[in-house]
Amino acid sequence: QMKKQCDQKLLIRMKTECVPCSLNLETQCPAGYTKITNGTGIPDCRYYLEIKTHTLSFPGCRHHCMKEFEQPECCEGHWGPDCMGK
């Protein structure tokens, strides 16, 4: 019995919004995502504050998140919704 279904594992990565590093400890990833950074996250971004007529930019932190996702796919020589053979 040949396998008909050969699902592909996909990793989806995303980054949370940039916030002051001191506030980033509490930041959670969206539902279904796993946080892959610790503590205050990674200080690789800038966030903006508008004060009256000026916009100020400050260094901030964000977290990296990932989600494993199985994409259904048929094995070679099979196709269709039920992965039927030739």
Protein backbone atom coordinates (compact mmCIF):
# COMPACT_ATOMS: atom_id res chain seq x y z
CA GLN A 1 0.00 0.00 0.00
CA MET A 2 1.67 3.17 -1.21
CA LYS A 3 1.25 6.32 0.80
CA LYS A 4 -1.09 8.74 -0.93
CA GLN A 5 -0.82 11.66 1.45
CA CYS A 6 2.57 13.41 1.86
CA ASP A 7 1.79 16.43 4.03
CA GLN A 8 4.32 19.25 4.06
CA LYS A 9 5.37 20.75 7.38
CA LEU A 10 5.58 24.51 7.17
CA LEU A 11 7.04 26.86 9.75
CA ILE A 12 5.39 30.23 9.86
CA ARG A 13 7.42 32.92 11.59
CA MET A 14 6.28 36.35 12.71
CA LYS A 15 7.42 39.18 14.95
CA THR A 16 5.39 41.01 17.56
CA GLU A 17 4.93 44.76 17.48
CA CYS A 18 7.86 46.92 18.56
CA VAL A 19 7.42 48.29 22.10
CA PRO A 20 9.69 49.67 24.85
CA CYS A 21 11.91 46.78 25.97
CA SER A 22 10.80 47.14 29.60
CA LEU A 23 7.19 46.46 28.51
CA ASN A 24 8.02 43.58 26.22
CA LEU A 25 8.34 40.96 29.00
CA GLU A 26 4.55 40.69 29.04
CA THR A 27 4.11 40.47 25.27
CA GLN A 28 2.45 37.29 24.07
CA CYS A 29 2.49 35.76 20.63
CA PRO A 30 -0.82 35.48 18.76
CA ALA A 31 -2.92 32.39 19.51
CA GLY A 32 -1.34 29.24 18.09
CA TYR A 33 2.16 30.72 17.91
CA THR A 34 5.08 29.77 20.17
CA LYS A 35 7.45 32.45 21.47
CA ILE A 36 11.02 31.60 20.44
CA THR A 37 12.67 34.56 22.16
CA ASN A 38 13.04 35.06 25.90
CA GLY A 39 12.81 37.85 28.40
CA THR A 40 12.45 41.24 26.77
CA GLY A 41 12.93 39.81 23.28
CA ILE A 42 15.25 41.18 20.61
CA PRO A 43 16.21 44.89 20.54
CA ASP A 44 16.16 45.13 16.75
CA CYS A 45 13.45 47.68 16.07
CA ARG A 46 12.23 51.21 16.73
CA TYR A 47 8.88 52.45 17.97
CA TYR A 48 7.42 55.92 17.58
CA LEU A 49 5.79 58.37 19.97
CA GLU A 50 3.91 61.38 18.76
CA ILE A 51 4.33 64.40 21.00
CA LYS A 52 2.34 67.42 19.85
CA THR A 53 3.87 68.25 16.47
CA HIS A 54 6.84 65.87 16.63
CA THR A 55 7.23 62.14 16.17
CA LEU A 56 10.06 60.70 18.23
CA SER A 57 11.66 57.36 17.50
CA PHE A 58 13.09 55.12 20.24
CA PRO A 59 14.90 51.78 20.19
CA GLY A 60 12.54 49.01 21.22
CA CYS A 61 12.18 45.25 21.48
CA ARG A 62 10.00 42.62 19.90
CA HIS A 63 9.54 38.89 20.16
CA HIS A 64 9.86 36.31 17.43
CA CYS A 65 7.10 33.72 17.23
CA MET A 66 6.60 30.60 15.17
CA LYS A 67 3.83 28.19 14.33
CA GLU A 68 4.06 24.73 12.82
CA PHE A 69 1.53 24.16 10.11
CA GLU A 70 0.79 20.97 8.17
CA GLN A 71 -0.17 21.59 4.60
CA PRO A 72 -2.00 18.60 3.15
CA GLU A 73 -0.34 17.42 -0.03
CA CYS A 74 -0.56 14.33 -2.16
CA CYS A 75 2.46 12.14 -2.83
CA GLU A 76 3.90 11.98 -6.35
CA GLY A 77 1.52 10.30 -8.79
CA HIS A 78 -1.55 11.14 -6.72
CA TRP A 79 -3.86 14.12 -6.95
CA GLY A 80 -7.26 15.53 -6.11
CA PRO A 81 -8.97 16.04 -2.76
CA ASP A 82 -8.62 12.32 -1.90
CA CYS A 83 -5.13 11.88 -3.40
CA MET A 84 -6.30 9.26 -5.85
CA GLY A 85 -3.75 7.36 -7.95
CA LYS A 86 -3.47 7.16 -11.75
